Structures are given as C-alpha cells and as structure tokens.
Amino acid sequence: MQQLADGLAEGARQVPRYSDTEREQLARVVASPISVSDLDDLVSPKAAWASLLLVLALWLGALATYLVLPAVRARLALSSRSSLVLLGESLLPGLGLVGFQALLLSGIGQLALRLPWPRWLGLTAVLLVAAAAFVAVHYALTAWLRGAGRVLAVAFAVITVATALTGSTPAVFDVLRPLSPMSPAVDAVRTLIAGGSGITGPIFLLLGWAAVAAGLCAAALVRARTLTPRSLLAAT
C-alpha cells in the first residue's frame, strides 16, 4: 500500500499545471464544434449509386442494340453511296434507340433525385453525349471483334462497376479503370448530381472515345466495301 501511495503522489506531482488563461484557451478548443466545410464536396452514396446505375443502363442498352442490329451489313459492298453516308445510316438506328433511352433515364433520374433544373439539363446533355459515344464504341467492337467485342464490352462494365462500388478492389482494377469508356461517363454524371466542378475533363474523354470509335467504325465500313471473291459471294 505504501508503494501505491508513493506512486500516486509521484504521479500527482507530474500532472501539468495551467494558468487561468491557458485553461480558458483549452476550454474554447474542446468546446468548439468540428468544422465540416472541407467535407461538402464529398460525393454522397446516393449520388454515387445513381451515377453508376444511369451509366450502366445506358451501356447495356447500347450493348443490347448491337446484339439485335448488325453492325456491318454485307450488302454495303455493293452500294454506290459514300462511306460517310453509309456510316451515318449505319449508326443512326443505334443513336436513335440509345438516345431515346438516355432521355428516358434522365427523366427517371430527375424523378428520383429532384435536381435543380440547370443540373438536370446538364445531366441530360451528358447522357446524350455518353449515348453517342457508347453507340460508336459498341458498333466498332462488334464490327471488328464480333463476339469477342461483346465479351470485352461486358469486361468494361465489370471493371467500372467494381471500382465504383468499393475502394477495396485489387490494384489491377484501378489500373484498368481509365481504359473503360464508361469511366468518364460515370465521373461526369456523378459530378453533376453532386453539384461539383471539374466536369470538363470527363466530357473531353467521352468525346475522345466517340472520335476514336467513329474512326474505327469508318474503317470497318471501308473494309466491308473492299471487294473480295468471298465478299461477293456473301452479298449475292
């Protein structure tokens, strides 16, 4: 007991002593509320889920379109019209279907999220840009890779969904995420829903995907119009 008493006395002597001014300052620091102003730009789970579901539905819609519609028709080789006109005619059905889906998804998103009108109009514009890019990407994948292109499209969706849902995915998914055309669309939609800034970068990436895919679509049409004995037999 004497050892315990000696230890307590020694500890009491080591307790810091504060002046009245220091005690008042400590009281203000402890009683002051925690500042959360730096947390305002964090994306809410609702915005994250909504952006992922909207873009995923649009991506799957474009995939389903070219499961039904042929990307490149064999009879294009016999057409006398320019490749540019044929490219527009080939992409038009997909653009119409997926563009309508983008408008429908925008309306559903507005009913669920109740966004201010300027942000809802921005969301609609982004979804239409994403629809055009997705149609061109799926057309190119189907025209050049056929079944393997559809498998690759599903892989893009898996990569984007995995990285969007959790931060504990393997590092390889973070490396592959920029390779998915869905990623800039998810980033742009999420930024709009959350009311954040920095949407220009994802939009330019989407336009870049659309431009590259359109070039591949045009090349696929040129290849289809190159006459070979095999293509002549298929066209007849």
C-alpha atoms as a PDB file:
ATOM      1  CA  MET A   1       0.000   0.000   0.000  1.00  0.00           C
ATOM      2  CA  GLN A   2       2.873   2.359   0.776  1.00  0.00           C
ATOM      3  CA  GLN A   3       4.273   1.736  -2.747  1.00  0.00           C
ATOM      4  CA  LEU A   4       0.869   2.552  -4.260  1.00  0.00           C
ATOM      5  CA  ALA A   5       0.622   5.739  -2.222  1.00  0.00           C
ATOM      6  CA  ASP A   6       4.135   6.768  -3.215  1.00  0.00           C
ATOM      7  CA  GLY A   7       3.294   6.101  -6.904  1.00  0.00           C
ATOM      8  CA  LEU A   8       0.136   8.202  -6.734  1.00  0.00           C
ATOM      9  CA  ALA A   9       1.978  11.037  -5.067  1.00  0.00           C
ATOM     10  CA  GLU A  10       4.683  10.917  -7.721  1.00  0.00           C
ATOM     11  CA  GLY A  11       2.056  10.937 -10.491  1.00  0.00           C
ATOM     12  CA  ALA A  12       0.255  13.878  -8.927  1.00  0.00           C
ATOM     13  CA  ARG A  13       3.451  15.877  -8.968  1.00  0.00           C
ATOM     14  CA  GLN A  14       3.804  15.163 -12.725  1.00  0.00           C
ATOM     15  CA  VAL A  15       0.316  16.456 -13.652  1.00  0.00           C
ATOM     16  CA  PRO A  16       0.788  19.666 -15.679  1.00  0.00           C
ATOM     17  CA  ARG A  17      -0.396  22.894 -14.109  1.00  0.00           C
ATOM     18  CA  TYR A  18      -2.113  25.516 -16.289  1.00  0.00           C
ATOM     19  CA  SER A  19      -2.691  29.176 -15.689  1.00  0.00           C
ATOM     20  CA  ASP A  20      -6.182  30.679 -15.826  1.00  0.00           C
ATOM     21  CA  THR A  21      -5.516  31.942 -19.384  1.00  0.00           C
ATOM     22  CA  GLU A  22      -4.320  28.535 -20.567  1.00  0.00           C
ATOM     23  CA  ARG A  23      -7.344  26.791 -19.025  1.00  0.00           C
ATOM     24  CA  GLU A  24      -9.702  29.206 -20.777  1.00  0.00           C
ATOM     25  CA  GLN A  25      -7.996  28.590 -24.131  1.00  0.00           C
ATOM     26  CA  LEU A  26      -8.220  24.811 -23.695  1.00  0.00           C
ATOM     27  CA  ALA A  27     -11.904  25.087 -22.816  1.00  0.00           C
ATOM     28  CA  ARG A  28     -12.640  27.020 -26.025  1.00  0.00           C
ATOM     29  CA  VAL A  29     -10.761  24.479 -28.157  1.00  0.00           C
ATOM     30  CA  VAL A  30     -12.558  21.498 -26.624  1.00  0.00           C
ATOM     31  CA  ALA A  31     -15.990  23.102 -26.787  1.00  0.00           C
ATOM     32  CA  SER A  32     -15.731  24.380 -30.360  1.00  0.00           C
ATOM     33  CA  PRO A  33     -17.599  22.285 -32.999  1.00  0.00           C
ATOM     34  CA  ILE A  34     -15.711  20.295 -35.586  1.00  0.00           C
ATOM     35  CA  SER A  35     -15.546  22.096 -38.920  1.00  0.00           C
ATOM     36  CA  VAL A  36     -17.063  20.138 -41.788  1.00  0.00           C
ATOM     37  CA  SER A  37     -16.697  22.734 -44.519  1.00  0.00           C
ATOM     38  CA  ASP A  38     -13.991  20.677 -46.219  1.00  0.00           C
ATOM     39  CA  LEU A  39     -16.364  17.699 -46.456  1.00  0.00           C
ATOM     40  CA  ASP A  40     -19.016  19.427 -48.536  1.00  0.00           C
ATOM     41  CA  ASP A  41     -17.531  18.271 -51.843  1.00  0.00           C
ATOM     42  CA  LEU A  42     -17.563  14.593 -50.902  1.00  0.00           C
ATOM     43  CA  VAL A  43     -19.891  12.532 -53.097  1.00  0.00           C
ATOM     44  CA  SER A  44     -22.848  11.081 -51.232  1.00  0.00           C
ATOM     45  CA  PRO A  45     -23.646   7.368 -51.595  1.00  0.00           C
ATOM     46  CA  LYS A  46     -26.907   8.328 -53.327  1.00  0.00           C
ATOM     47  CA  ALA A  47     -25.046  10.305 -56.000  1.00  0.00           C
ATOM     48  CA  ALA A  48     -22.503   7.515 -56.463  1.00  0.00           C
ATOM     49  CA  TRP A  49     -25.175   4.843 -56.895  1.00  0.00           C
ATOM     50  CA  ALA A  50     -27.343   6.975 -59.165  1.00  0.00           C
ATOM     51  CA  SER A  51     -24.458   7.857 -61.484  1.00  0.00           C
ATOM     52  CA  LEU A  52     -23.360   4.228 -61.742  1.00  0.00           C
ATOM     53  CA  LEU A  53     -26.852   2.899 -62.437  1.00  0.00           C
ATOM     54  CA  LEU A  54     -27.635   5.545 -65.067  1.00  0.00           C
ATOM     55  CA  VAL A  55     -24.417   4.949 -66.997  1.00  0.00           C
ATOM     56  CA  LEU A  56     -24.586   1.167 -66.632  1.00  0.00           C
ATOM     57  CA  ALA A  57     -28.141   1.116 -68.010  1.00  0.00           C
ATOM     58  CA  LEU A  58     -27.035   3.231 -70.960  1.00  0.00           C
ATOM     59  CA  TRP A  59     -24.032   0.981 -71.630  1.00  0.00           C
ATOM     60  CA  LEU A  60     -26.148  -2.177 -71.512  1.00  0.00           C
ATOM     61  CA  GLY A  61     -28.686  -0.547 -73.800  1.00  0.00           C
ATOM     62  CA  ALA A  62     -26.009   0.088 -76.420  1.00  0.00           C
ATOM     63  CA  LEU A  63     -24.747  -3.471 -75.996  1.00  0.00           C
ATOM     64  CA  ALA A  64     -28.234  -4.889 -76.486  1.00  0.00           C
ATOM     65  CA  THR A  65     -28.749  -2.718 -79.574  1.00  0.00           C
ATOM     66  CA  TYR A  66     -25.895  -4.391 -81.399  1.00  0.00           C
ATOM     67  CA  LEU A  67     -26.953  -7.802 -80.217  1.00  0.00           C
ATOM     68  CA  VAL A  68     -30.068  -7.231 -82.333  1.00  0.00           C
ATOM     69  CA  LEU A  69     -28.842  -4.952 -85.120  1.00  0.00           C
ATOM     70  CA  PRO A  70     -25.951  -5.988 -87.394  1.00  0.00           C
ATOM     71  CA  ALA A  71     -23.021  -3.594 -87.220  1.00  0.00           C
ATOM     72  CA  VAL A  72     -21.862  -4.050 -90.809  1.00  0.00           C
ATOM     73  CA  ARG A  73     -24.168  -5.422 -93.481  1.00  0.00           C
ATOM     74  CA  ALA A  74     -22.663  -7.499 -96.240  1.00  0.00           C
ATOM     75  CA  ARG A  75     -24.589  -5.618 -98.963  1.00  0.00           C
ATOM     76  CA  LEU A  76     -22.738  -2.385 -98.156  1.00  0.00           C
ATOM     77  CA  ALA A  77     -20.005  -3.545-100.507  1.00  0.00           C
ATOM     78  CA  LEU A  78     -22.361  -3.125-103.463  1.00  0.00           C
ATOM     79  CA  SER A  79     -23.602   0.356-102.512  1.00  0.00           C
ATOM     80  CA  SER A  80     -22.613   3.331-104.669  1.00  0.00           C
ATOM     81  CA  ARG A  81     -23.022   5.850-101.831  1.00  0.00           C
ATOM     82  CA  SER A  82     -20.085   7.354 -99.990  1.00  0.00           C
ATOM     83  CA  SER A  83     -18.655   5.693 -96.898  1.00  0.00           C
ATOM     84  CA  LEU A  84     -19.555   8.765 -94.834  1.00  0.00           C
ATOM     85  CA  VAL A  85     -23.223   8.487 -95.787  1.00  0.00           C
ATOM     86  CA  LEU A  86     -23.195   4.765 -95.112  1.00  0.00           C
ATOM     87  CA  LEU A  87     -21.563   5.376 -91.726  1.00  0.00           C
ATOM     88  CA  GLY A  88     -24.344   7.777 -90.767  1.00  0.00           C
ATOM     89  CA  GLU A  89     -27.020   5.347 -91.918  1.00  0.00           C
ATOM     90  CA  SER A  90     -25.373   2.507 -90.008  1.00  0.00           C
ATOM     91  CA  LEU A  91     -25.084   4.451 -86.753  1.00  0.00           C
ATOM     92  CA  LEU A  92     -28.470   6.175 -86.965  1.00  0.00           C
ATOM     93  CA  PRO A  93     -30.627   3.300 -85.627  1.00  0.00           C
ATOM     94  CA  GLY A  94     -28.361   2.827 -82.630  1.00  0.00           C
ATOM     95  CA  LEU A  95     -28.145   6.559 -81.989  1.00  0.00           C
ATOM     96  CA  GLY A  96     -31.931   6.835 -82.118  1.00  0.00           C
ATOM     97  CA  LEU A  97     -32.574   3.920 -79.755  1.00  0.00           C
ATOM     98  CA  VAL A  98     -29.875   4.688 -77.185  1.00  0.00           C
ATOM     99  CA  GLY A  99     -30.520   8.441 -77.437  1.00  0.00           C
ATOM    100  CA  PHE A 100     -34.166   7.830 -76.562  1.00  0.00           C
ATOM    101  CA  GLN A 101     -33.005   5.650 -73.686  1.00  0.00           C
ATOM    102  CA  ALA A 102     -30.752   8.485 -72.469  1.00  0.00           C
ATOM    103  CA  LEU A 103     -33.748  10.867 -72.374  1.00  0.00           C
ATOM    104  CA  LEU A 104     -35.810   8.268 -70.545  1.00  0.00           C
ATOM    105  CA  LEU A 105     -33.049   7.655 -67.986  1.00  0.00           C
ATOM    106  CA  SER A 106     -32.656  11.389 -67.486  1.00  0.00           C
ATOM    107  CA  GLY A 107     -36.350  11.676 -66.673  1.00  0.00           C
ATOM    108  CA  ILE A 108     -36.185   8.748 -64.250  1.00  0.00           C
ATOM    109  CA  GLY A 109     -33.114  10.253 -62.621  1.00  0.00           C
ATOM    110  CA  GLN A 110     -34.885  13.580 -62.162  1.00  0.00           C
ATOM    111  CA  LEU A 111     -37.869  11.886 -60.522  1.00  0.00           C
ATOM    112  CA  ALA A 112     -35.543  10.121 -58.087  1.00  0.00           C
ATOM    113  CA  LEU A 113     -33.019  12.886 -57.408  1.00  0.00           C
ATOM    114  CA  ARG A 114     -35.063  16.127 -57.764  1.00  0.00           C
ATOM    115  CA  LEU A 115     -32.127  18.042 -59.196  1.00  0.00           C
ATOM    116  CA  PRO A 116     -32.264  21.782 -59.856  1.00  0.00           C
ATOM    117  CA  TRP A 117     -33.272  22.438 -63.450  1.00  0.00           C
ATOM    118  CA  PRO A 118     -29.831  23.612 -64.677  1.00  0.00           C
ATOM    119  CA  ARG A 119     -28.176  20.489 -63.287  1.00  0.00           C
ATOM    120  CA  TRP A 120     -30.890  18.258 -64.734  1.00  0.00           C
ATOM    121  CA  LEU A 121     -30.405  19.801 -68.181  1.00  0.00           C
ATOM    122  CA  GLY A 122     -26.677  19.254 -67.789  1.00  0.00           C
ATOM    123  CA  LEU A 123     -27.304  15.628 -66.809  1.00  0.00           C
ATOM    124  CA  THR A 124     -29.457  15.154 -69.904  1.00  0.00           C
ATOM    125  CA  ALA A 125     -26.741  16.593 -72.138  1.00  0.00           C
ATOM    126  CA  VAL A 126     -24.066  14.361 -70.594  1.00  0.00           C
ATOM    127  CA  LEU A 127     -26.215  11.259 -71.003  1.00  0.00           C
ATOM    128  CA  LEU A 128     -26.813  12.104 -74.679  1.00  0.00           C
ATOM    129  CA  VAL A 129     -23.064  12.551 -75.257  1.00  0.00           C
ATOM    130  CA  ALA A 130     -22.428   9.256 -73.463  1.00  0.00           C
ATOM    131  CA  ALA A 131     -25.120   7.568 -75.577  1.00  0.00           C
ATOM    132  CA  ALA A 132     -23.433   8.672 -78.814  1.00  0.00           C
ATOM    133  CA  ALA A 133     -20.031   7.547 -77.555  1.00  0.00           C
ATOM    134  CA  PHE A 134     -21.359   4.186 -76.366  1.00  0.00           C
ATOM    135  CA  VAL A 135     -23.118   3.509 -79.663  1.00  0.00           C
ATOM    136  CA  ALA A 136     -19.927   4.201 -81.611  1.00  0.00           C
ATOM    137  CA  VAL A 137     -17.847   2.051 -79.242  1.00  0.00           C
ATOM    138  CA  HIS A 138     -20.233  -0.913 -79.429  1.00  0.00           C
ATOM    139  CA  TYR A 139     -20.522  -0.587 -83.200  1.00  0.00           C
ATOM    140  CA  ALA A 140     -16.726  -0.665 -83.517  1.00  0.00           C
ATOM    141  CA  LEU A 141     -16.339  -3.588 -81.099  1.00  0.00           C
ATOM    142  CA  THR A 142     -18.984  -5.612 -82.918  1.00  0.00           C
ATOM    143  CA  ALA A 143     -17.705  -4.724 -86.390  1.00  0.00           C
ATOM    144  CA  TRP A 144     -14.096  -5.631 -85.665  1.00  0.00           C
ATOM    145  CA  LEU A 145     -14.268  -8.318 -82.961  1.00  0.00           C
ATOM    146  CA  ARG A 146     -17.823  -9.666 -83.202  1.00  0.00           C
ATOM    147  CA  GLY A 147     -18.470 -11.985 -80.239  1.00  0.00           C
ATOM    148  CA  ALA A 148     -15.159 -11.133 -78.600  1.00  0.00           C
ATOM    149  CA  GLY A 149     -16.138  -7.469 -78.791  1.00  0.00           C
ATOM    150  CA  ARG A 150     -19.270  -8.163 -76.745  1.00  0.00           C
ATOM    151  CA  VAL A 151     -17.187 -10.021 -74.164  1.00  0.00           C
ATOM    152  CA  LEU A 152     -14.860  -7.022 -73.986  1.00  0.00           C
ATOM    153  CA  ALA A 153     -17.866  -4.729 -73.513  1.00  0.00           C
ATOM    154  CA  VAL A 154     -19.001  -6.826 -70.538  1.00  0.00           C
ATOM    155  CA  ALA A 155     -15.448  -6.689 -69.150  1.00  0.00           C
ATOM    156  CA  PHE A 156     -15.512  -2.875 -69.365  1.00  0.00           C
ATOM    157  CA  ALA A 157     -18.752  -2.865 -67.377  1.00  0.00           C
ATOM    158  CA  VAL A 158     -17.334  -5.192 -64.714  1.00  0.00           C
ATOM    159  CA  ILE A 159     -14.227  -3.025 -64.293  1.00  0.00           C
ATOM    160  CA  THR A 160     -16.232   0.174 -63.921  1.00  0.00           C
ATOM    161  CA  VAL A 161     -18.781  -1.324 -61.539  1.00  0.00           C
ATOM    162  CA  ALA A 162     -16.095  -2.926 -59.365  1.00  0.00           C
ATOM    163  CA  THR A 163     -14.147   0.313 -58.964  1.00  0.00           C
ATOM    164  CA  ALA A 164     -17.275   2.407 -58.438  1.00  0.00           C
ATOM    165  CA  LEU A 165     -18.790   0.269 -55.687  1.00  0.00           C
ATOM    166  CA  THR A 166     -15.824  -0.134 -53.380  1.00  0.00           C
ATOM    167  CA  GLY A 167     -12.326   1.163 -52.830  1.00  0.00           C
ATOM    168  CA  SER A 168     -11.024  -2.241 -51.710  1.00  0.00           C
ATOM    169  CA  THR A 169     -10.768  -3.791 -55.171  1.00  0.00           C
ATOM    170  CA  PRO A 170      -7.402  -5.185 -56.327  1.00  0.00           C
ATOM    171  CA  ALA A 171      -4.993  -2.591 -57.679  1.00  0.00           C
ATOM    172  CA  VAL A 172      -5.294  -4.021 -61.190  1.00  0.00           C
ATOM    173  CA  PHE A 173      -8.858  -2.676 -61.407  1.00  0.00           C
ATOM    174  CA  ASP A 174      -7.637   0.843 -60.677  1.00  0.00           C
ATOM    175  CA  VAL A 175      -5.080   0.449 -63.459  1.00  0.00           C
ATOM    176  CA  LEU A 176      -7.709  -0.805 -65.916  1.00  0.00           C
ATOM    177  CA  ARG A 177     -10.406   1.723 -64.998  1.00  0.00           C
ATOM    178  CA  PRO A 178      -9.150   4.502 -67.345  1.00  0.00           C
ATOM    179  CA  LEU A 179      -9.350   2.004 -70.222  1.00  0.00           C
ATOM    180  CA  SER A 180     -13.135   1.703 -69.865  1.00  0.00           C
ATOM    181  CA  PRO A 181     -15.298   4.101 -71.906  1.00  0.00           C
ATOM    182  CA  MET A 182     -17.803   4.014 -69.051  1.00  0.00           C
ATOM    183  CA  SER A 183     -15.430   5.621 -66.538  1.00  0.00           C
ATOM    184  CA  PRO A 184     -15.534   9.234 -67.820  1.00  0.00           C
ATOM    185  CA  ALA A 185     -19.311   8.986 -68.164  1.00  0.00           C
ATOM    186  CA  VAL A 186     -19.658   7.856 -64.538  1.00  0.00           C
ATOM    187  CA  ASP A 187     -17.336  10.660 -63.399  1.00  0.00           C
ATOM    188  CA  ALA A 188     -19.251  13.317 -65.345  1.00  0.00           C
ATOM    189  CA  VAL A 189     -22.696  12.165 -64.190  1.00  0.00           C
ATOM    190  CA  ARG A 190     -21.547  11.851 -60.577  1.00  0.00           C
ATOM    191  CA  THR A 191     -20.053  15.353 -60.646  1.00  0.00           C
ATOM    192  CA  LEU A 192     -23.298  16.806 -61.998  1.00  0.00           C
ATOM    193  CA  ILE A 193     -25.505  15.027 -59.494  1.00  0.00           C
ATOM    194  CA  ALA A 194     -23.286  16.088 -56.602  1.00  0.00           C
ATOM    195  CA  GLY A 195     -23.107  19.672 -57.860  1.00  0.00           C
ATOM    196  CA  GLY A 196     -19.314  19.585 -58.051  1.00  0.00           C
ATOM    197  CA  SER A 197     -16.865  21.063 -60.519  1.00  0.00           C
ATOM    198  CA  GLY A 198     -14.347  19.556 -62.903  1.00  0.00           C
ATOM    199  CA  ILE A 199     -16.737  18.077 -65.440  1.00  0.00           C
ATOM    200  CA  THR A 200     -14.755  19.301 -68.460  1.00  0.00           C
ATOM    201  CA  GLY A 201     -12.139  16.549 -68.272  1.00  0.00           C
ATOM    202  CA  PRO A 202     -14.581  13.614 -68.312  1.00  0.00           C
ATOM    203  CA  ILE A 203     -16.573  15.214 -71.145  1.00  0.00           C
ATOM    204  CA  PHE A 204     -13.460  15.586 -73.300  1.00  0.00           C
ATOM    205  CA  LEU A 205     -12.564  11.963 -72.565  1.00  0.00           C
ATOM    206  CA  LEU A 206     -16.037  10.886 -73.677  1.00  0.00           C
ATOM    207  CA  LEU A 207     -15.704  12.898 -76.879  1.00  0.00           C
ATOM    208  CA  GLY A 208     -12.286  11.328 -77.426  1.00  0.00           C
ATOM    209  CA  TRP A 209     -13.771   7.848 -77.102  1.00  0.00           C
ATOM    210  CA  ALA A 210     -16.510   8.817 -79.548  1.00  0.00           C
ATOM    211  CA  ALA A 211     -13.987  10.153 -82.079  1.00  0.00           C
ATOM    212  CA  VAL A 212     -11.726   7.086 -81.892  1.00  0.00           C
ATOM    213  CA  ALA A 213     -14.690   4.722 -82.121  1.00  0.00           C
ATOM    214  CA  ALA A 214     -16.149   6.635 -85.076  1.00  0.00           C
ATOM    215  CA  GLY A 215     -12.815   6.289 -86.871  1.00  0.00           C
ATOM    216  CA  LEU A 216     -12.854   2.540 -86.251  1.00  0.00           C
ATOM    217  CA  CYS A 217     -16.456   2.374 -87.484  1.00  0.00           C
ATOM    218  CA  ALA A 218     -15.478   4.138 -90.705  1.00  0.00           C
ATOM    219  CA  ALA A 219     -12.527   1.791 -91.159  1.00  0.00           C
ATOM    220  CA  ALA A 220     -14.822  -1.199 -90.664  1.00  0.00           C
ATOM    221  CA  LEU A 221     -17.127   0.107 -93.390  1.00  0.00           C
ATOM    222  CA  VAL A 222     -14.227   0.660 -95.760  1.00  0.00           C
ATOM    223  CA  ARG A 223     -13.064  -2.878 -95.091  1.00  0.00           C
ATOM    224  CA  ALA A 224     -16.591  -4.193 -95.741  1.00  0.00           C
ATOM    225  CA  ARG A 225     -16.689  -2.337 -99.077  1.00  0.00           C
ATOM    226  CA  THR A 226     -13.406  -3.842-100.225  1.00  0.00           C
ATOM    227  CA  LEU A 227     -14.434  -6.414-102.793  1.00  0.00           C
ATOM    228  CA  THR A 228     -13.057  -9.909-102.487  1.00  0.00           C
ATOM    229  CA  PRO A 229     -14.371 -13.139-104.021  1.00  0.00           C
ATOM    230  CA  ARG A 230     -15.651 -14.178-100.610  1.00  0.00           C
ATOM    231  CA  SER A 231     -17.486 -10.879-100.015  1.00  0.00           C
ATOM    232  CA  LEU A 232     -19.054 -11.039-103.486  1.00  0.00           C
ATOM    233  CA  LEU A 233     -20.423 -14.496-102.740  1.00  0.00           C
ATOM    234  CA  ALA A 234     -21.775 -13.317 -99.360  1.00  0.00           C
ATOM    235  CA  ALA A 235     -23.509 -10.331-100.958  1.00  0.00           C
ATOM    236  CA  THR A 236     -25.292 -12.364-103.583  1.00  0.00           C
END
